[in-house]
C-alpha atoms as a PDB file:
ATOM      1  CA  MET A   1     135.097  64.228  20.092  1.00  0.00           C
ATOM      2  CA  SER A   2     135.155  61.893  23.052  1.00  0.00           C
ATOM      3  CA  ASP A   3     136.626  58.539  23.999  1.00  0.00           C
ATOM      4  CA  ARG A   4     133.277  57.491  25.381  1.00  0.00           C
ATOM      5  CA  PRO A   5     130.734  55.679  23.148  1.00  0.00           C
ATOM      6  CA  ILE A   6     128.259  57.842  21.229  1.00  0.00           C
ATOM      7  CA  LYS A   7     124.775  56.546  20.979  1.00  0.00           C
ATOM      8  CA  GLU A   8     122.836  59.641  19.997  1.00  0.00           C
ATOM      9  CA  PHE A   9     123.143  63.160  18.620  1.00  0.00           C
ATOM     10  CA  LYS A  10     121.463  66.451  19.313  1.00  0.00           C
ATOM     11  CA  GLU A  11     120.407  67.927  15.997  1.00  0.00           C
ATOM     12  CA  TYR A  12     119.955  71.559  14.889  1.00  0.00           C
ATOM     13  CA  HIS A  13     118.968  73.255  11.654  1.00  0.00           C
ATOM     14  CA  LEU A  14     119.860  76.872  10.775  1.00  0.00           C
ATOM     15  CA  THR A  15     118.902  78.977   7.767  1.00  0.00           C
ATOM     16  CA  VAL A  16     121.216  81.949   7.252  1.00  0.00           C
ATOM     17  CA  PRO A  17     119.155  85.153   6.921  1.00  0.00           C
ATOM     18  CA  SER A  18     120.340  87.937   4.624  1.00  0.00           C
ATOM     19  CA  GLU A  19     121.305  90.199   7.528  1.00  0.00           C
ATOM     20  CA  ASP A  20     123.796  87.574   8.782  1.00  0.00           C
ATOM     21  CA  ALA A  21     125.349  86.919   5.382  1.00  0.00           C
ATOM     22  CA  ASP A  22     128.488  88.948   6.024  1.00  0.00           C
ATOM     23  CA  GLY A  23     131.065  86.303   5.196  1.00  0.00           C
ATOM     24  CA  MET A  24     131.342  85.036   8.798  1.00  0.00           C
ATOM     25  CA  ARG A  25     133.125  81.732   9.256  1.00  0.00           C
ATOM     26  CA  LEU A  26     130.912  78.702   9.535  1.00  0.00           C
ATOM     27  CA  ASP A  27     132.174  77.648  12.987  1.00  0.00           C
ATOM     28  CA  LYS A  28     131.804  81.160  14.370  1.00  0.00           C
ATOM     29  CA  TYR A  29     128.303  81.577  13.014  1.00  0.00           C
ATOM     30  CA  ILE A  30     127.123  78.311  14.526  1.00  0.00           C
ATOM     31  CA  ALA A  31     128.713  79.187  17.878  1.00  0.00           C
ATOM     32  CA  THR A  32     126.881  82.533  17.791  1.00  0.00           C
ATOM     33  CA  CYS A  33     123.543  80.796  17.156  1.00  0.00           C
ATOM     34  CA  LEU A  34     124.053  77.913  19.550  1.00  0.00           C
ATOM     35  CA  GLU A  35     125.247  79.700  22.673  1.00  0.00           C
ATOM     36  CA  LYS A  36     125.373  76.595  24.869  1.00  0.00           C
ATOM     37  CA  ILE A  37     127.849  74.751  22.595  1.00  0.00           C
ATOM     38  CA  SER A  38     131.503  75.736  22.587  1.00  0.00           C
ATOM     39  CA  ARG A  39     133.213  76.711  19.355  1.00  0.00           C
ATOM     40  CA  THR A  40     135.790  73.964  19.906  1.00  0.00           C
ATOM     41  CA  LYS A  41     133.052  71.329  20.055  1.00  0.00           C
ATOM     42  CA  ILE A  42     131.502  72.776  16.897  1.00  0.00           C
ATOM     43  CA  GLN A  43     134.845  72.685  15.083  1.00  0.00           C
ATOM     44  CA  LYS A  44     135.272  69.024  16.035  1.00  0.00           C
ATOM     45  CA  ALA A  45     131.787  68.268  14.711  1.00  0.00           C
ATOM     46  CA  ILE A  46     132.642  69.968  11.442  1.00  0.00           C
ATOM     47  CA  ASP A  47     135.896  68.011  11.151  1.00  0.00           C
ATOM     48  CA  LYS A  48     133.945  64.737  11.571  1.00  0.00           C
ATOM     49  CA  ASP A  49     131.401  65.747   8.912  1.00  0.00           C
ATOM     50  CA  TYR A  50     128.634  66.071  11.434  1.00  0.00           C
ATOM     51  CA  VAL A  51     127.859  69.497   9.924  1.00  0.00           C
ATOM     52  CA  THR A  52     126.614  70.069   6.385  1.00  0.00           C
ATOM     53  CA  VAL A  53     125.862  73.226   4.405  1.00  0.00           C
ATOM     54  CA  ASN A  54     123.252  72.758   1.700  1.00  0.00           C
ATOM     55  CA  GLY A  55     123.750  69.003   2.028  1.00  0.00           C
ATOM     56  CA  LYS A  56     127.538  69.127   1.655  1.00  0.00           C
ATOM     57  CA  SER A  57     130.393  68.976   4.161  1.00  0.00           C
ATOM     58  CA  GLU A  58     132.377  72.201   4.514  1.00  0.00           C
ATOM     59  CA  LYS A  59     135.382  73.309   6.505  1.00  0.00           C
ATOM     60  CA  SER A  60     135.201  75.529   9.592  1.00  0.00           C
ATOM     61  CA  SER A  61     136.624  78.368   7.483  1.00  0.00           C
ATOM     62  CA  TYR A  62     133.716  78.260   5.030  1.00  0.00           C
ATOM     63  CA  ASN A  63     132.160  81.750   4.656  1.00  0.00           C
ATOM     64  CA  ILE A  64     128.396  81.586   5.095  1.00  0.00           C
ATOM     65  CA  GLU A  65     126.011  83.045   2.550  1.00  0.00           C
ATOM     66  CA  ALA A  66     122.378  84.164   2.682  1.00  0.00           C
ATOM     67  CA  GLY A  67     120.044  81.267   2.360  1.00  0.00           C
ATOM     68  CA  ASP A  68     122.564  78.586   3.393  1.00  0.00           C
ATOM     69  CA  GLU A  69     120.839  75.614   5.019  1.00  0.00           C
ATOM     70  CA  ILE A  70     123.044  74.320   7.839  1.00  0.00           C
ATOM     71  CA  ASP A  71     122.381  70.976   9.477  1.00  0.00           C
ATOM     72  CA  ILE A  72     124.276  70.216  12.660  1.00  0.00           C
ATOM     73  CA  ARG A  73     124.607  67.028  14.695  1.00  0.00           C
ATOM     74  CA  ILE A  74     126.368  67.368  18.046  1.00  0.00           C
ATOM     75  CA  PRO A  75     127.369  63.978  19.525  1.00  0.00           C
ATOM     76  CA  ILE A  76     126.097  63.171  23.033  1.00  0.00           C
ATOM     77  CA  PRO A  77     128.645  60.784  24.593  1.00  0.00           C
ATOM     78  CA  GLU A  78     127.199  58.097  26.806  1.00  0.00           C
ATOM     79  CA  PRO A  79     127.873  59.148  30.397  1.00  0.00           C
ATOM     80  CA  PRO A  80     130.398  57.022  32.303  1.00  0.00           C
ATOM     81  CA  GLU A  81     129.306  55.021  35.295  1.00  0.00           C
ATOM     82  CA  ALA A  82     130.757  56.215  38.586  1.00  0.00           C
ATOM     83  CA  LYS A  83     132.726  53.590  40.481  1.00  0.00           C
ATOM     84  CA  PRO A  84     133.159  53.252  44.274  1.00  0.00           C
ATOM     85  CA  GLN A  85     136.510  54.502  45.583  1.00  0.00           C
ATOM     86  CA  LYS A  86     137.835  54.455  49.134  1.00  0.00           C
ATOM     87  CA  LEU A  87     138.311  58.137  49.941  1.00  0.00           C
ATOM     88  CA  ASP A  88     138.766  60.062  53.177  1.00  0.00           C
ATOM     89  CA  LEU A  89     135.398  61.746  53.701  1.00  0.00           C
ATOM     90  CA  ASP A  90     134.260  63.893  56.580  1.00  0.00           C
ATOM     91  CA  ILE A  91     130.823  62.456  57.422  1.00  0.00           C
ATOM     92  CA  VAL A  92     129.109  64.805  59.923  1.00  0.00           C
ATOM     93  CA  PHE A  93     125.893  62.814  60.295  1.00  0.00           C
ATOM     94  CA  GLU A  94     124.329  59.683  58.864  1.00  0.00           C
ATOM     95  CA  ASP A  95     121.137  57.673  59.282  1.00  0.00           C
ATOM     96  CA  ASN A  96     119.072  55.370  57.067  1.00  0.00           C
ATOM     97  CA  ASP A  97     117.834  58.239  54.925  1.00  0.00           C
ATOM     98  CA  LEU A  98     120.620  60.748  54.452  1.00  0.00           C
ATOM     99  CA  LEU A  99     124.176  61.819  55.049  1.00  0.00           C
ATOM    100  CA  ILE A 100     125.642  65.187  55.940  1.00  0.00           C
ATOM    101  CA  VAL A 101     129.120  65.596  54.423  1.00  0.00           C
ATOM    102  CA  ASN A 102     131.691  68.278  55.050  1.00  0.00           C
ATOM    103  CA  LYS A 103     133.312  68.633  51.615  1.00  0.00           C
ATOM    104  CA  GLU A 104     136.870  69.815  51.468  1.00  0.00           C
ATOM    105  CA  ALA A 105     138.006  72.439  48.985  1.00  0.00           C
ATOM    106  CA  GLY A 106     139.444  70.928  45.813  1.00  0.00           C
ATOM    107  CA  MET A 107     137.074  67.948  45.709  1.00  0.00           C
ATOM    108  CA  VAL A 108     134.646  67.728  42.804  1.00  0.00           C
ATOM    109  CA  VAL A 109     131.134  66.676  43.826  1.00  0.00           C
ATOM    110  CA  HIS A 110     130.405  64.215  41.006  1.00  0.00           C
ATOM    111  CA  PRO A 111     132.203  62.772  37.951  1.00  0.00           C
ATOM    112  CA  ALA A 112     132.254  65.029  34.895  1.00  0.00           C
ATOM    113  CA  TYR A 113     134.536  65.861  32.004  1.00  0.00           C
ATOM    114  CA  GLY A 114     138.124  66.000  33.300  1.00  0.00           C
ATOM    115  CA  ASN A 115     137.191  64.515  36.686  1.00  0.00           C
ATOM    116  CA  TRP A 116     135.958  60.956  36.240  1.00  0.00           C
ATOM    117  CA  ASP A 117     137.165  59.697  39.628  1.00  0.00           C
ATOM    118  CA  GLY A 118     138.261  60.922  42.999  1.00  0.00           C
ATOM    119  CA  THR A 119     134.974  62.802  43.404  1.00  0.00           C
ATOM    120  CA  LEU A 120     132.648  62.944  46.393  1.00  0.00           C
ATOM    121  CA  VAL A 121     130.280  60.545  44.655  1.00  0.00           C
ATOM    122  CA  ASN A 122     132.994  57.986  44.219  1.00  0.00           C
ATOM    123  CA  GLY A 123     133.744  58.139  47.936  1.00  0.00           C
ATOM    124  CA  LEU A 124     130.068  58.050  48.921  1.00  0.00           C
ATOM    125  CA  MET A 125     129.496  54.967  46.795  1.00  0.00           C
ATOM    126  CA  TRP A 126     132.266  53.174  48.694  1.00  0.00           C
ATOM    127  CA  HIS A 127     131.112  54.449  52.074  1.00  0.00           C
ATOM    128  CA  THR A 128     127.436  53.401  51.610  1.00  0.00           C
ATOM    129  CA  ASN A 129     128.113  50.262  49.579  1.00  0.00           C
ATOM    130  CA  GLU A 130     126.342  52.030  46.738  1.00  0.00           C
ATOM    131  CA  GLU A 131     123.153  52.564  48.763  1.00  0.00           C
ATOM    132  CA  LEU A 132     122.356  55.997  47.380  1.00  0.00           C
ATOM    133  CA  SER A 133     119.296  57.518  45.681  1.00  0.00           C
ATOM    134  CA  ASN A 134     119.094  57.282  41.943  1.00  0.00           C
ATOM    135  CA  THR A 135     115.765  58.811  40.940  1.00  0.00           C
ATOM    136  CA  ASP A 136     116.714  59.449  37.313  1.00  0.00           C
ATOM    137  CA  LYS A 137     118.924  56.387  36.858  1.00  0.00           C
ATOM    138  CA  ASP A 138     121.819  58.852  36.765  1.00  0.00           C
ATOM    139  CA  THR A 139     125.109  56.927  36.524  1.00  0.00           C
ATOM    140  CA  VAL A 140     127.314  59.784  37.735  1.00  0.00           C
ATOM    141  CA  ARG A 141     125.291  61.629  40.397  1.00  0.00           C
ATOM    142  CA  PRO A 142     123.653  59.110  42.713  1.00  0.00           C
ATOM    143  CA  GLY A 143     122.586  60.688  45.988  1.00  0.00           C
ATOM    144  CA  ILE A 144     123.396  64.233  44.904  1.00  0.00           C
ATOM    145  CA  VAL A 145     120.610  66.707  45.796  1.00  0.00           C
ATOM    146  CA  HIS A 146     122.663  69.901  45.466  1.00  0.00           C
ATOM    147  CA  ARG A 147     126.290  70.781  44.765  1.00  0.00           C
ATOM    148  CA  LEU A 148     129.173  72.989  45.798  1.00  0.00           C
ATOM    149  CA  ASP A 149     131.825  74.356  43.443  1.00  0.00           C
ATOM    150  CA  LYS A 150     135.066  72.369  43.409  1.00  0.00           C
ATOM    151  CA  ASP A 151     136.985  75.024  45.390  1.00  0.00           C
ATOM    152  CA  THR A 152     134.153  75.896  47.785  1.00  0.00           C
ATOM    153  CA  SER A 153     134.330  74.008  51.038  1.00  0.00           C
ATOM    154  CA  GLY A 154     131.507  73.092  53.376  1.00  0.00           C
ATOM    155  CA  ILE A 155     128.389  71.171  54.138  1.00  0.00           C
ATOM    156  CA  LEU A 156     126.195  69.067  51.793  1.00  0.00           C
ATOM    157  CA  VAL A 157     123.199  66.790  52.291  1.00  0.00           C
ATOM    158  CA  VAL A 158     123.143  63.518  50.369  1.00  0.00           C
ATOM    159  CA  ALA A 159     120.082  61.260  49.886  1.00  0.00           C
ATOM    160  CA  LYS A 160     120.381  57.510  50.495  1.00  0.00           C
ATOM    161  CA  ASN A 161     117.000  56.577  48.951  1.00  0.00           C
ATOM    162  CA  ASP A 162     114.672  57.892  46.294  1.00  0.00           C
ATOM    163  CA  GLU A 163     111.907  59.113  48.634  1.00  0.00           C
ATOM    164  CA  THR A 164     114.367  61.162  50.669  1.00  0.00           C
ATOM    165  CA  HIS A 165     115.844  62.546  47.463  1.00  0.00           C
ATOM    166  CA  ARG A 166     112.366  63.554  46.261  1.00  0.00           C
ATOM    167  CA  ILE A 167     111.516  65.377  49.512  1.00  0.00           C
ATOM    168  CA  LEU A 168     114.899  67.123  49.804  1.00  0.00           C
ATOM    169  CA  SER A 169     114.715  68.265  46.152  1.00  0.00           C
ATOM    170  CA  LYS A 170     111.282  69.668  46.872  1.00  0.00           C
ATOM    171  CA  TYR A 171     112.725  71.645  49.833  1.00  0.00           C
ATOM    172  CA  PHE A 172     115.260  73.231  47.557  1.00  0.00           C
ATOM    173  CA  ARG A 173     112.587  74.101  44.943  1.00  0.00           C
ATOM    174  CA  THR A 174     110.201  75.571  47.513  1.00  0.00           C
ATOM    175  CA  LYS A 175     113.006  77.261  49.451  1.00  0.00           C
ATOM    176  CA  ASP A 176     112.231  75.310  52.612  1.00  0.00           C
ATOM    177  CA  ILE A 177     115.868  74.742  53.353  1.00  0.00           C
ATOM    178  CA  GLU A 178     118.255  77.150  55.075  1.00  0.00           C
ATOM    179  CA  ARG A 179     121.698  77.504  53.507  1.00  0.00           C
ATOM    180  CA  ASN A 180     124.210  79.878  54.973  1.00  0.00           C
ATOM    181  CA  TYR A 181     127.723  80.513  53.669  1.00  0.00           C
ATOM    182  CA  TRP A 182     130.563  82.615  55.015  1.00  0.00           C
ATOM    183  CA  ALA A 183     132.649  84.609  52.571  1.00  0.00           C
ATOM    184  CA  ILE A 184     135.379  87.256  52.675  1.00  0.00           C
ATOM    185  CA  ILE A 185     134.803  89.864  49.990  1.00  0.00           C
ATOM    186  CA  TRP A 186     136.676  92.866  48.676  1.00  0.00           C
ATOM    187  CA  GLY A 187     135.405  96.287  49.695  1.00  0.00           C
ATOM    188  CA  THR A 188     132.598  97.292  52.022  1.00  0.00           C
ATOM    189  CA  PRO A 189     128.907  96.820  51.067  1.00  0.00           C
ATOM    190  CA  ASP A 190     126.703  99.913  51.355  1.00  0.00           C
ATOM    191  CA  LYS A 191     124.430  98.247  53.880  1.00  0.00           C
ATOM    192  CA  GLU A 192     125.060  95.888  56.823  1.00  0.00           C
ATOM    193  CA  LYS A 193     122.221  93.697  55.461  1.00  0.00           C
ATOM    194  CA  GLY A 194     121.117  93.506  51.882  1.00  0.00           C
ATOM    195  CA  THR A 195     119.858  91.469  48.942  1.00  0.00           C
ATOM    196  CA  ILE A 196     121.516  91.010  45.570  1.00  0.00           C
ATOM    197  CA  THR A 197     119.376  90.105  42.585  1.00  0.00           C
ATOM    198  CA  GLY A 198     120.086  89.566  38.906  1.00  0.00           C
ATOM    199  CA  ASN A 199     119.436  86.685  36.514  1.00  0.00           C
ATOM    200  CA  ILE A 200     122.433  84.433  35.998  1.00  0.00           C
ATOM    201  CA  GLY A 201     123.465  82.520  32.867  1.00  0.00           C
ATOM    202  CA  ARG A 202     126.487  81.648  30.757  1.00  0.00           C
ATOM    203  CA  ASN A 203     128.759  84.526  29.807  1.00  0.00           C
ATOM    204  CA  PRO A 204     128.288  84.828  26.038  1.00  0.00           C
ATOM    205  CA  ASN A 205     131.914  85.954  25.740  1.00  0.00           C
ATOM    206  CA  ASP A 206     133.372  83.200  27.883  1.00  0.00           C
ATOM    207  CA  ARG A 207     131.395  79.985  28.103  1.00  0.00           C
ATOM    208  CA  LYS A 208     133.327  78.748  31.146  1.00  0.00           C
ATOM    209  CA  ASN A 209     132.054  81.608  33.282  1.00  0.00           C
ATOM    210  CA  MET A 210     128.637  82.626  34.509  1.00  0.00           C
ATOM    211  CA  THR A 211     127.488  86.241  34.548  1.00  0.00           C
ATOM    212  CA  VAL A 212     124.562  88.459  35.443  1.00  0.00           C
ATOM    213  CA  LEU A 213     122.455  88.853  32.307  1.00  0.00           C
ATOM    214  CA  PRO A 214     120.180  91.736  31.341  1.00  0.00           C
ATOM    215  CA  GLY A 215     116.398  91.608  31.374  1.00  0.00           C
ATOM    216  CA  ASP A 216     114.713  88.232  31.537  1.00  0.00           C
ATOM    217  CA  LYS A 217     117.672  86.267  30.170  1.00  0.00           C
ATOM    218  CA  GLY A 218     119.230  83.574  32.324  1.00  0.00           C
ATOM    219  CA  LYS A 219     117.696  82.231  35.538  1.00  0.00           C
ATOM    220  CA  GLU A 220     116.402  84.201  38.499  1.00  0.00           C
ATOM    221  CA  ALA A 221     118.915  84.439  41.337  1.00  0.00           C
ATOM    222  CA  VAL A 222     118.506  85.973  44.796  1.00  0.00           C
ATOM    223  CA  THR A 223     121.340  86.299  47.350  1.00  0.00           C
ATOM    224  CA  HIS A 224     120.905  87.713  50.853  1.00  0.00           C
ATOM    225  CA  TYR A 225     123.909  88.880  52.895  1.00  0.00           C
ATOM    226  CA  GLU A 226     124.699  90.165  56.380  1.00  0.00           C
ATOM    227  CA  VAL A 227     128.011  91.753  57.464  1.00  0.00           C
ATOM    228  CA  LEU A 228     129.713  89.826  60.244  1.00  0.00           C
ATOM    229  CA  GLU A 229     132.984  91.800  60.498  1.00  0.00           C
ATOM    230  CA  TYR A 230     134.643  94.719  58.784  1.00  0.00           C
ATOM    231  CA  PHE A 231     138.310  94.967  57.882  1.00  0.00           C
ATOM    232  CA  ASP A 232     140.441  97.499  56.012  1.00  0.00           C
ATOM    233  CA  HIS A 233     138.862  97.325  52.520  1.00  0.00           C
ATOM    234  CA  LEU A 234     137.557  93.738  53.068  1.00  0.00           C
ATOM    235  CA  THR A 235     134.452  92.331  54.742  1.00  0.00           C
ATOM    236  CA  LEU A 236     133.407  89.012  56.288  1.00  0.00           C
ATOM    237  CA  VAL A 237     129.815  88.311  55.341  1.00  0.00           C
ATOM    238  CA  LYS A 238     127.220  85.644  56.005  1.00  0.00           C
ATOM    239  CA  VAL A 239     125.282  84.795  52.846  1.00  0.00           C
ATOM    240  CA  ARG A 240     121.920  83.079  52.564  1.00  0.00           C
ATOM    241  CA  LEU A 241     120.877  81.616  49.223  1.00  0.00           C
ATOM    242  CA  GLU A 242     117.255  81.923  48.173  1.00  0.00           C
ATOM    243  CA  THR A 243     118.068  80.273  44.822  1.00  0.00           C
ATOM    244  CA  GLY A 244     120.921  77.946  43.877  1.00  0.00           C
ATOM    245  CA  ARG A 245     122.413  78.981  40.534  1.00  0.00           C
ATOM    246  CA  THR A 246     125.839  77.925  39.311  1.00  0.00           C
ATOM    247  CA  HIS A 247     128.511  80.130  40.956  1.00  0.00           C
ATOM    248  CA  GLN A 248     125.725  82.347  42.286  1.00  0.00           C
ATOM    249  CA  ILE A 249     127.498  83.924  45.276  1.00  0.00           C
ATOM    250  CA  ARG A 250     130.714  84.530  43.387  1.00  0.00           C
ATOM    251  CA  VAL A 251     128.943  86.026  40.346  1.00  0.00           C
ATOM    252  CA  HIS A 252     126.556  88.228  42.312  1.00  0.00           C
ATOM    253  CA  PHE A 253     129.303  89.720  44.495  1.00  0.00           C
ATOM    254  CA  ALA A 254     131.636  90.194  41.532  1.00  0.00           C
ATOM    255  CA  ASN A 255     128.841  92.031  39.710  1.00  0.00           C
ATOM    256  CA  GLU A 256     128.561  94.350  42.765  1.00  0.00           C
ATOM    257  CA  HIS A 257     132.325  94.963  42.644  1.00  0.00           C
ATOM    258  CA  HIS A 258     132.795  92.999  45.847  1.00  0.00           C
ATOM    259  CA  TRP A 259     134.715  90.034  44.461  1.00  0.00           C
ATOM    260  CA  VAL A 260     135.126  87.024  46.756  1.00  0.00           C
ATOM    261  CA  PHE A 261     138.682  87.096  48.122  1.00  0.00           C
ATOM    262  CA  GLY A 262     141.006  84.755  46.248  1.00  0.00           C
ATOM    263  CA  ASP A 263     138.524  83.877  43.498  1.00  0.00           C
ATOM    264  CA  GLN A 264     140.760  83.213  40.475  1.00  0.00           C
ATOM    265  CA  GLN A 265     137.849  82.733  38.065  1.00  0.00           C
ATOM    266  CA  TYR A 266     135.954  85.921  38.767  1.00  0.00           C
ATOM    267  CA  GLY A 267     138.679  88.426  39.636  1.00  0.00           C
ATOM    268  CA  GLY A 268     139.039  88.132  43.388  1.00  0.00           C
ATOM    269  CA  ASP A 269     142.680  87.144  43.212  1.00  0.00           C
ATOM    270  CA  ALA A 270     143.949  90.750  42.790  1.00  0.00           C
ATOM    271  CA  VAL A 271     144.083  93.607  45.293  1.00  0.00           C
ATOM    272  CA  ARG A 272     140.792  95.299  44.520  1.00  0.00           C
ATOM    273  CA  TYR A 273     140.623  97.961  47.210  1.00  0.00           C
ATOM    274  CA  GLY A 274     143.246  99.915  49.129  1.00  0.00           C
ATOM    275  CA  PRO A 275     146.982 100.288  48.459  1.00  0.00           C
ATOM    276  CA  ASN A 276     148.543  97.672  46.207  1.00  0.00           C
ATOM    277  CA  THR A 277     152.061  98.291  47.393  1.00  0.00           C
ATOM    278  CA  GLY A 278     154.649  97.258  49.936  1.00  0.00           C
ATOM    279  CA  SER A 279     153.963  94.946  52.828  1.00  0.00           C
ATOM    280  CA  ARG A 280     150.150  95.071  52.230  1.00  0.00           C
ATOM    281  CA  LYS A 281     150.530  93.753  48.731  1.00  0.00           C
ATOM    282  CA  GLN A 282     152.960  91.088  49.887  1.00  0.00           C
ATOM    283  CA  MET A 283     150.644  89.949  52.661  1.00  0.00           C
ATOM    284  CA  PHE A 284     147.711  89.466  50.243  1.00  0.00           C
ATOM    285  CA  GLN A 285     149.933  87.721  47.741  1.00  0.00           C
ATOM    286  CA  ASN A 286     151.049  85.292  50.490  1.00  0.00           C
ATOM    287  CA  LEU A 287     147.494  84.719  51.641  1.00  0.00           C
ATOM    288  CA  MET A 288     146.214  84.000  48.139  1.00  0.00           C
ATOM    289  CA  GLY A 289     149.222  81.797  47.463  1.00  0.00           C
ATOM    290  CA  THR A 290     148.352  79.691  50.506  1.00  0.00           C
ATOM    291  CA  LEU A 291     144.611  79.775  49.871  1.00  0.00           C
ATOM    292  CA  GLN A 292     144.666  78.877  46.157  1.00  0.00           C
ATOM    293  CA  ARG A 293     140.870  79.240  45.968  1.00  0.00           C
ATOM    294  CA  GLN A 294     137.936  81.525  46.711  1.00  0.00           C
ATOM    295  CA  CYS A 295     137.353  82.291  50.417  1.00  0.00           C
ATOM    296  CA  LEU A 296     133.874  80.817  50.456  1.00  0.00           C
ATOM    297  CA  HIS A 297     132.538  78.159  52.827  1.00  0.00           C
ATOM    298  CA  ALA A 298     129.115  76.503  53.145  1.00  0.00           C
ATOM    299  CA  LYS A 299     128.706  76.965  56.906  1.00  0.00           C
ATOM    300  CA  THR A 300     125.239  75.758  57.909  1.00  0.00           C
ATOM    301  CA  LEU A 301     122.419  73.716  56.509  1.00  0.00           C
ATOM    302  CA  GLY A 302     118.987  73.389  58.102  1.00  0.00           C
ATOM    303  CA  PHE A 303     115.778  71.574  57.088  1.00  0.00           C
ATOM    304  CA  GLU A 304     112.943  69.360  58.298  1.00  0.00           C
ATOM    305  CA  HIS A 305     114.108  65.757  58.356  1.00  0.00           C
ATOM    306  CA  PRO A 306     112.171  63.920  55.644  1.00  0.00           C
ATOM    307  CA  SER A 307     111.339  60.922  57.871  1.00  0.00           C
ATOM    308  CA  THR A 308     111.090  62.287  61.420  1.00  0.00           C
ATOM    309  CA  GLY A 309     109.722  65.761  60.701  1.00  0.00           C
ATOM    310  CA  GLU A 310     112.268  67.126  63.179  1.00  0.00           C
ATOM    311  CA  MET A 311     114.021  70.399  62.379  1.00  0.00           C
ATOM    312  CA  VAL A 312     117.711  69.680  62.055  1.00  0.00           C
ATOM    313  CA  GLU A 313     120.630  72.022  61.500  1.00  0.00           C
ATOM    314  CA  PHE A 314     124.233  71.206  60.838  1.00  0.00           C
ATOM    315  CA  ASP A 315     127.267  73.465  61.136  1.00  0.00           C
ATOM    316  CA  SER A 316     130.653  73.147  59.477  1.00  0.00           C
ATOM    317  CA  PRO A 317     133.712  74.750  61.129  1.00  0.00           C
ATOM    318  CA  LEU A 318     135.892  76.965  58.973  1.00  0.00           C
ATOM    319  CA  PRO A 319     138.632  74.977  57.288  1.00  0.00           C
ATOM    320  CA  ASP A 320     142.220  75.856  58.126  1.00  0.00           C
ATOM    321  CA  ASP A 321     142.929  77.948  55.018  1.00  0.00           C
ATOM    322  CA  PHE A 322     139.856  80.144  55.463  1.00  0.00           C
ATOM    323  CA  ALA A 323     140.501  80.466  59.220  1.00  0.00           C
ATOM    324  CA  HIS A 324     144.095  81.524  58.533  1.00  0.00           C
ATOM    325  CA  VAL A 325     143.028  84.295  56.175  1.00  0.00           C
ATOM    326  CA  LEU A 326     140.429  85.494  58.720  1.00  0.00           C
ATOM    327  CA  GLN A 327     142.988  85.498  61.501  1.00  0.00           C
ATOM    328  CA  MET A 328     145.546  87.453  59.446  1.00  0.00           C
ATOM    329  CA  LEU A 329     142.910  90.073  58.557  1.00  0.00           C
ATOM    330  CA  GLN A 330     141.899  90.398  62.181  1.00  0.00           C
ATOM    331  CA  GLN A 331     145.546  90.928  63.164  1.00  0.00           C
ATOM    332  CA  ASN A 332     146.693  93.145  60.345  1.00  0.00           C
ATOM    333  CA  CYS A 333     143.710  94.841  58.707  1.00  0.00           C
ATOM    334  CA  LYS A 334     141.820  96.776  61.353  1.00  0.00           C
ATOM    335  CA  PRO A 335     138.805  98.581  59.880  1.00  0.00           C
ATOM    336  CA  THR A 336     139.186 102.275  59.086  1.00  0.00           C
ATOM    337  CA  LEU A 337     135.461 103.004  59.724  1.00  0.00           C
END
């Protein structure tokens, strides 16, 4: 299941109730019950005899029956250890306690499956000679207090020691940190200023995506926005995060039918409003082809410095690709309001 060493397993036990005994495949049934584990990972566990039914190994195609006792062991690979790499980082500010980094689009923040090197953490380890916080003895995320999506550009704070990490983490928990993003979204919000709410969690139909979940499922998420500029069927907005859920801005706006422009994962890479023909269609295709990501940028970050107590704020200029899209909209998409 992984080339990395496996030292431990996460174990589960399921008893099939009569109402679920409809001949469903073993792998599908387990995936339905264990929503956080992909069906592919479950199939690999079954192939390696890490899954038994009534004490016996079965194939993924086994049809479950009422009363079946299913024992599951999902391997937990030992995490790799991040290594320093000399990378070109944009360090906005640095002192003995923290760094402010302007992350470029396309850079992953820390090593994870499929991206074991070339990440921001690798570059930070080289830059600081590995002098980064490591409160949980985490081998892949030293210094990382918060994250940005791979294809979201902008500003991040990084802790260089454990005490700074503790204080900054508390700021994020207690919402004593100001985070503002700029985004270009499809359509026009009903209000110039507003708040989007809705709990966010894994999409049960597509585990790679997040979604707004009904009721009390998922985690609370609150997104505030303010319109900065209107265009023809698009809007430039400033977004302030009250919570920091995975893909929060992208998911919340997509749920409101205001997809972030260019967002390939959540549907912003199609013409969502206005004519989808002729030169207009071609212009958007060209812009998205150049952009190759969501038009979302972490613009400012403000907080009380953990050591000095001084209020500090940092601003990140729009990267060239975002600025180009904005300029083209200003020149070619005058608002119809």
